[in-house]
Amino acid sequence: MTAHHAIEITLTRPATNSELYRARRVAALASSTDRTRLLTVQRAKTPGRALQTLRRRLDGVLPIDVLTTHYPDRQGCVLLNFALSHAARTTIRQAAAVCGQRPRDFLRQTVIDAVARHKEDRARRLMTRMEGLLAQHTLEELLLCAADSLLSHHNRQPGGKSSSAPS
């Protein structure tokens, strides 16, 4: 069965009007206001084929950096499709051979490890900042401030307006 797959396109720079015009003749696209991110739907049997098909159709039309599946799969992963230089492919192939892995598996694990390290670093930085704040403020003050901040962000609409403010 052929399904539809939502695909996000990240560009290396904002697309020009003529690039968007040509790209929209190839595929229906929704663009962000800064024209660096686009969203489309591609028919294909698998998400991987959808990414490959879209890359083939749009590669010469838009300055594509990365294509990603918009929704995670059952394992919580999104697929990435990006073009690598010959030198980068060679380096990945050599590193994968040293580890006894296929290049795709090596790259997948490298990205997963990098994302995990990034999350750990962010959590560590947040904990350090929290400890600094706890040295200067009471727990109650921090909780009150956090709740106030979260509630005010929750009530904001995309343009910076508050949902309780009169229009």
Foldseek 3Di string as FASTA:
>chain_A
DKDKFKKKWFAPAADDPQLVVVLCVQFPWDADPRRRMIIGIAIDPDPVVRQVVSCVRNVVRGRTAKMWGPAADPVRHIDIDGDDDPVVQVVLCVVCVVVVHHSVVSVVVVVVVVVVVVVVVVVVVVVVVVVVVVVVDPPVVVVVVVVVVVVQVVQADVVRDGVPDDD
